[in-house]
Amino acid sequence: MRDAPSFDEFYRSTARRMLRYGYAVVGDHAEVQDLVQEAFARAWRHWGKLSTHPAPEAWLRVVVARLAADRWRRLRGWRVVLSRTGPPDSVSPPGEDSVLLVAALRQVPLNQRQALALHYLYDMPVEDIAGEMRVPVGTVKSWLSRGRARLVALLPGVAEPELEANDVA
């Protein structure tokens, strides 16, 4: 059985040392925070046994060191992949049209936005969208129609026929 107060005390008394230790081992503050958090999560899962361990902090240090080693193995694998394939293509910043479209989509109700994204970005037929969203086909058609109308209102200069060019509903 886990004893939350004793774990809380253990955490409070060791967290800073674990972060300093992890930083010395890994050298990346953000990565260390993730590793130490995972180590404490594992300690909590095993707190029933770990609370009686003669050196629970040493156990935690071993977990942090093993997590750091796993991280280096994964990174080494990525380095091998990158050496074979080269760096990824650089991505240009979004254009003004994309920024305006995303801003407009944020103002469309969620269900309409989901239907629009599935229909226009994933090229899903209305029937498949209805199945995925667990609503009648007519509801999806309504959401698409209302979503398009809302986008037309939010995007001055865009004619509705342009939005419907790919629509098969």
C-alpha atoms as a PDB file:
ATOM      1  CA  MET A   1       0.000   0.000   0.000  1.00  0.00           C
ATOM      2  CA  ARG A   2       1.259   3.451  -0.909  1.00  0.00           C
ATOM      3  CA  ASP A   3       1.621   6.103   1.747  1.00  0.00           C
ATOM      4  CA  ALA A   4       1.053   9.483   0.109  1.00  0.00           C
ATOM      5  CA  PRO A   5       2.368  11.649   2.981  1.00  0.00           C
ATOM      6  CA  SER A   6       5.665   9.750   3.131  1.00  0.00           C
ATOM      7  CA  PHE A   7       6.035   9.949  -0.660  1.00  0.00           C
ATOM      8  CA  ASP A   8       5.318  13.679  -0.555  1.00  0.00           C
ATOM      9  CA  GLU A   9       8.045  14.109   2.043  1.00  0.00           C
ATOM     10  CA  PHE A  10      10.439  11.991  -0.051  1.00  0.00           C
ATOM     11  CA  TYR A  11       9.657  14.103  -3.102  1.00  0.00           C
ATOM     12  CA  ARG A  12      10.121  17.409  -1.286  1.00  0.00           C
ATOM     13  CA  SER A  13      13.424  16.315   0.201  1.00  0.00           C
ATOM     14  CA  THR A  14      14.925  14.864  -3.001  1.00  0.00           C
ATOM     15  CA  ALA A  15      13.456  16.692  -6.007  1.00  0.00           C
ATOM     16  CA  ARG A  16      16.054  19.481  -6.177  1.00  0.00           C
ATOM     17  CA  ARG A  17      18.953  17.058  -5.802  1.00  0.00           C
ATOM     18  CA  MET A  18      17.486  14.834  -8.511  1.00  0.00           C
ATOM     19  CA  LEU A  19      17.199  17.804 -10.877  1.00  0.00           C
ATOM     20  CA  ARG A  20      20.802  18.838 -10.190  1.00  0.00           C
ATOM     21  CA  TYR A  21      22.006  15.251 -10.620  1.00  0.00           C
ATOM     22  CA  GLY A  22      20.020  14.818 -13.808  1.00  0.00           C
ATOM     23  CA  TYR A  23      21.320  18.091 -15.215  1.00  0.00           C
ATOM     24  CA  ALA A  24      24.887  16.984 -14.534  1.00  0.00           C
ATOM     25  CA  VAL A  25      24.196  13.704 -16.358  1.00  0.00           C
ATOM     26  CA  VAL A  26      22.137  15.017 -19.299  1.00  0.00           C
ATOM     27  CA  GLY A  27      22.979  18.719 -19.609  1.00  0.00           C
ATOM     28  CA  ASP A  28      19.562  19.782 -20.903  1.00  0.00           C
ATOM     29  CA  HIS A  29      17.274  21.369 -18.333  1.00  0.00           C
ATOM     30  CA  ALA A  30      13.992  20.638 -20.134  1.00  0.00           C
ATOM     31  CA  GLU A  31      14.967  17.021 -20.793  1.00  0.00           C
ATOM     32  CA  VAL A  32      16.036  16.583 -17.170  1.00  0.00           C
ATOM     33  CA  GLN A  33      12.675  17.812 -15.943  1.00  0.00           C
ATOM     34  CA  ASP A  34      10.976  15.125 -18.049  1.00  0.00           C
ATOM     35  CA  LEU A  35      13.373  12.402 -16.889  1.00  0.00           C
ATOM     36  CA  VAL A  36      13.052  13.294 -13.215  1.00  0.00           C
ATOM     37  CA  GLN A  37       9.283  13.517 -13.497  1.00  0.00           C
ATOM     38  CA  GLU A  38       9.201  10.034 -15.047  1.00  0.00           C
ATOM     39  CA  ALA A  39      11.524   8.724 -12.343  1.00  0.00           C
ATOM     40  CA  PHE A  40       9.265  10.079  -9.594  1.00  0.00           C
ATOM     41  CA  ALA A  41       6.211   8.622 -11.342  1.00  0.00           C
ATOM     42  CA  ARG A  42       7.911   5.216 -11.299  1.00  0.00           C
ATOM     43  CA  ALA A  43       8.869   5.712  -7.672  1.00  0.00           C
ATOM     44  CA  TRP A  44       5.235   6.431  -6.824  1.00  0.00           C
ATOM     45  CA  ARG A  45       4.081   3.282  -8.635  1.00  0.00           C
ATOM     46  CA  HIS A  46       6.532   1.229  -6.548  1.00  0.00           C
ATOM     47  CA  TRP A  47       6.300   3.275  -3.363  1.00  0.00           C
ATOM     48  CA  GLY A  48       4.914   0.370  -1.336  1.00  0.00           C
ATOM     49  CA  LYS A  49       8.236  -1.494  -1.739  1.00  0.00           C
ATOM     50  CA  LEU A  50      10.472   1.522  -2.304  1.00  0.00           C
ATOM     51  CA  SER A  51       9.475   3.174   0.984  1.00  0.00           C
ATOM     52  CA  THR A  52      11.132   0.282   2.849  1.00  0.00           C
ATOM     53  CA  HIS A  53      14.185   0.238   0.561  1.00  0.00           C
ATOM     54  CA  PRO A  54      17.401   1.072   2.442  1.00  0.00           C
ATOM     55  CA  ALA A  55      18.309   3.805  -0.087  1.00  0.00           C
ATOM     56  CA  PRO A  56      15.278   5.025  -2.055  1.00  0.00           C
ATOM     57  CA  GLU A  57      17.136   8.094  -3.315  1.00  0.00           C
ATOM     58  CA  ALA A  58      19.861   5.889  -4.778  1.00  0.00           C
ATOM     59  CA  TRP A  59      17.153   3.839  -6.505  1.00  0.00           C
ATOM     60  CA  LEU A  60      15.786   7.072  -7.957  1.00  0.00           C
ATOM     61  CA  ARG A  61      19.253   8.124  -9.183  1.00  0.00           C
ATOM     62  CA  VAL A  62      19.627   4.770 -10.943  1.00  0.00           C
ATOM     63  CA  VAL A  63      16.249   5.273 -12.633  1.00  0.00           C
ATOM     64  CA  VAL A  64      17.255   8.776 -13.782  1.00  0.00           C
ATOM     65  CA  ALA A  65      20.570   7.455 -15.126  1.00  0.00           C
ATOM     66  CA  ARG A  66      18.852   4.614 -16.988  1.00  0.00           C
ATOM     67  CA  LEU A  67      16.263   6.963 -18.457  1.00  0.00           C
ATOM     68  CA  ALA A  68      19.099   9.255 -19.583  1.00  0.00           C
ATOM     69  CA  ALA A  69      20.898   6.305 -21.196  1.00  0.00           C
ATOM     70  CA  ASP A  70      17.692   5.331 -22.993  1.00  0.00           C
ATOM     71  CA  ARG A  71      17.394   8.908 -24.216  1.00  0.00           C
ATOM     72  CA  TRP A  72      20.940   8.834 -25.620  1.00  0.00           C
ATOM     73  CA  ARG A  73      20.229   5.535 -27.395  1.00  0.00           C
ATOM     74  CA  ARG A  74      17.133   7.013 -29.021  1.00  0.00           C
ATOM     75  CA  LEU A  75      19.046  10.135 -30.044  1.00  0.00           C
ATOM     76  CA  ARG A  76      21.830   8.013 -31.498  1.00  0.00           C
ATOM     77  CA  GLY A  77      19.231   6.221 -33.599  1.00  0.00           C
ATOM     78  CA  TRP A  78      17.924   9.563 -34.835  1.00  0.00           C
ATOM     79  CA  ARG A  79      21.451  10.686 -35.669  1.00  0.00           C
ATOM     80  CA  VAL A  80      21.972   7.540 -37.757  1.00  0.00           C
ATOM     81  CA  VAL A  81      18.702   8.161 -39.597  1.00  0.00           C
ATOM     82  CA  LEU A  82      19.643  11.792 -40.224  1.00  0.00           C
ATOM     83  CA  SER A  83      23.096  10.821 -41.476  1.00  0.00           C
ATOM     84  CA  ARG A  84      21.479   8.484 -44.014  1.00  0.00           C
ATOM     85  CA  THR A  85      18.631  10.723 -45.108  1.00  0.00           C
ATOM     86  CA  GLY A  86      20.023  14.179 -44.487  1.00  0.00           C
ATOM     87  CA  PRO A  87      18.288  16.926 -42.588  1.00  0.00           C
ATOM     88  CA  PRO A  88      14.586  17.450 -43.168  1.00  0.00           C
ATOM     89  CA  ASP A  89      13.538  20.001 -45.745  1.00  0.00           C
ATOM     90  CA  SER A  90      13.118  23.443 -44.315  1.00  0.00           C
ATOM     91  CA  VAL A  91       9.543  24.535 -43.986  1.00  0.00           C
ATOM     92  CA  SER A  92       8.592  27.983 -45.088  1.00  0.00           C
ATOM     93  CA  PRO A  93       6.488  30.076 -42.736  1.00  0.00           C
ATOM     94  CA  PRO A  94       2.743  30.016 -43.295  1.00  0.00           C
ATOM     95  CA  GLY A  95       1.405  32.432 -45.859  1.00  0.00           C
ATOM     96  CA  GLU A  96      -1.028  35.195 -45.094  1.00  0.00           C
ATOM     97  CA  ASP A  97      -3.912  33.149 -46.512  1.00  0.00           C
ATOM     98  CA  SER A  98      -3.123  30.255 -44.177  1.00  0.00           C
ATOM     99  CA  VAL A  99      -2.974  32.530 -41.155  1.00  0.00           C
ATOM    100  CA  LEU A 100      -6.301  34.121 -42.077  1.00  0.00           C
ATOM    101  CA  LEU A 101      -7.914  30.724 -42.681  1.00  0.00           C
ATOM    102  CA  VAL A 102      -6.730  29.317 -39.347  1.00  0.00           C
ATOM    103  CA  ALA A 103      -7.954  32.439 -37.534  1.00  0.00           C
ATOM    104  CA  ALA A 104     -11.342  32.105 -39.239  1.00  0.00           C
ATOM    105  CA  LEU A 105     -11.564  28.382 -38.484  1.00  0.00           C
ATOM    106  CA  ARG A 106     -11.034  29.113 -34.796  1.00  0.00           C
ATOM    107  CA  GLN A 107     -14.256  31.113 -34.876  1.00  0.00           C
ATOM    108  CA  VAL A 108     -16.275  28.250 -36.376  1.00  0.00           C
ATOM    109  CA  PRO A 109     -17.990  25.900 -33.882  1.00  0.00           C
ATOM    110  CA  LEU A 110     -15.976  22.761 -33.141  1.00  0.00           C
ATOM    111  CA  ASN A 111     -18.319  20.244 -34.787  1.00  0.00           C
ATOM    112  CA  GLN A 112     -18.415  22.297 -37.998  1.00  0.00           C
ATOM    113  CA  ARG A 113     -14.648  22.782 -37.906  1.00  0.00           C
ATOM    114  CA  GLN A 114     -14.086  19.035 -37.496  1.00  0.00           C
ATOM    115  CA  ALA A 115     -16.434  18.246 -40.380  1.00  0.00           C
ATOM    116  CA  LEU A 116     -14.726  20.817 -42.616  1.00  0.00           C
ATOM    117  CA  ALA A 117     -11.271  19.490 -41.755  1.00  0.00           C
ATOM    118  CA  LEU A 118     -12.230  15.868 -42.356  1.00  0.00           C
ATOM    119  CA  HIS A 119     -13.982  16.693 -45.620  1.00  0.00           C
ATOM    120  CA  TYR A 120     -11.489  19.117 -47.146  1.00  0.00           C
ATOM    121  CA  LEU A 121      -8.174  18.116 -45.596  1.00  0.00           C
ATOM    122  CA  TYR A 122      -8.688  14.351 -45.442  1.00  0.00           C
ATOM    123  CA  ASP A 123     -10.966  14.153 -48.512  1.00  0.00           C
ATOM    124  CA  MET A 124     -13.416  12.049 -46.540  1.00  0.00           C
ATOM    125  CA  PRO A 125     -16.893  11.477 -47.964  1.00  0.00           C
ATOM    126  CA  VAL A 126     -19.815  12.755 -45.921  1.00  0.00           C
ATOM    127  CA  GLU A 127     -20.900   9.205 -45.062  1.00  0.00           C
ATOM    128  CA  ASP A 128     -17.479   8.381 -43.575  1.00  0.00           C
ATOM    129  CA  ILE A 129     -17.460  11.596 -41.560  1.00  0.00           C
ATOM    130  CA  ALA A 130     -20.911  10.736 -40.218  1.00  0.00           C
ATOM    131  CA  GLY A 131     -19.673   7.311 -39.185  1.00  0.00           C
ATOM    132  CA  GLU A 132     -16.563   8.660 -37.502  1.00  0.00           C
ATOM    133  CA  MET A 133     -18.408  11.427 -35.684  1.00  0.00           C
ATOM    134  CA  ARG A 134     -21.372   9.143 -34.908  1.00  0.00           C
ATOM    135  CA  VAL A 135     -24.017  11.475 -36.295  1.00  0.00           C
ATOM    136  CA  PRO A 136     -26.517  11.198 -39.169  1.00  0.00           C
ATOM    137  CA  VAL A 137     -25.363  12.073 -42.696  1.00  0.00           C
ATOM    138  CA  GLY A 138     -27.789  15.012 -42.762  1.00  0.00           C
ATOM    139  CA  THR A 139     -26.122  16.474 -39.678  1.00  0.00           C
ATOM    140  CA  VAL A 140     -22.715  16.378 -41.363  1.00  0.00           C
ATOM    141  CA  LYS A 141     -24.150  18.040 -44.477  1.00  0.00           C
ATOM    142  CA  SER A 142     -25.653  20.731 -42.258  1.00  0.00           C
ATOM    143  CA  TRP A 143     -22.356  21.266 -40.435  1.00  0.00           C
ATOM    144  CA  LEU A 144     -20.475  21.535 -43.730  1.00  0.00           C
ATOM    145  CA  SER A 145     -22.996  24.003 -45.118  1.00  0.00           C
ATOM    146  CA  ARG A 146     -23.027  26.146 -41.987  1.00  0.00           C
ATOM    147  CA  GLY A 147     -19.245  25.960 -41.644  1.00  0.00           C
ATOM    148  CA  ARG A 148     -18.733  27.088 -45.247  1.00  0.00           C
ATOM    149  CA  ALA A 149     -21.221  29.921 -44.780  1.00  0.00           C
ATOM    150  CA  ARG A 150     -19.442  31.011 -41.600  1.00  0.00           C
ATOM    151  CA  LEU A 151     -16.059  30.955 -43.344  1.00  0.00           C
ATOM    152  CA  VAL A 152     -17.423  33.030 -46.224  1.00  0.00           C
ATOM    153  CA  ALA A 153     -18.628  35.595 -43.698  1.00  0.00           C
ATOM    154  CA  LEU A 154     -15.271  35.573 -41.885  1.00  0.00           C
ATOM    155  CA  LEU A 155     -13.081  35.647 -45.000  1.00  0.00           C
ATOM    156  CA  PRO A 156     -13.919  38.711 -47.047  1.00  0.00           C
ATOM    157  CA  GLY A 157     -13.056  38.351 -50.709  1.00  0.00           C
ATOM    158  CA  VAL A 158     -13.502  34.573 -50.795  1.00  0.00           C
ATOM    159  CA  ALA A 159     -16.504  33.501 -52.812  1.00  0.00           C
ATOM    160  CA  GLU A 160     -18.555  30.536 -51.660  1.00  0.00           C
ATOM    161  CA  PRO A 161     -18.164  28.683 -55.003  1.00  0.00           C
ATOM    162  CA  GLU A 162     -14.394  28.523 -54.349  1.00  0.00           C
ATOM    163  CA  LEU A 163     -15.042  26.768 -51.054  1.00  0.00           C
ATOM    164  CA  GLU A 164     -17.515  24.342 -52.646  1.00  0.00           C
ATOM    165  CA  ALA A 165     -15.302  23.419 -55.606  1.00  0.00           C
ATOM    166  CA  ASN A 166     -14.167  20.197 -53.914  1.00  0.00           C
ATOM    167  CA  ASP A 167     -17.480  19.451 -52.231  1.00  0.00           C
ATOM    168  CA  VAL A 168     -19.262  16.296 -53.252  1.00  0.00           C
ATOM    169  CA  ALA A 169     -21.929  16.434 -50.558  1.00  0.00           C
END
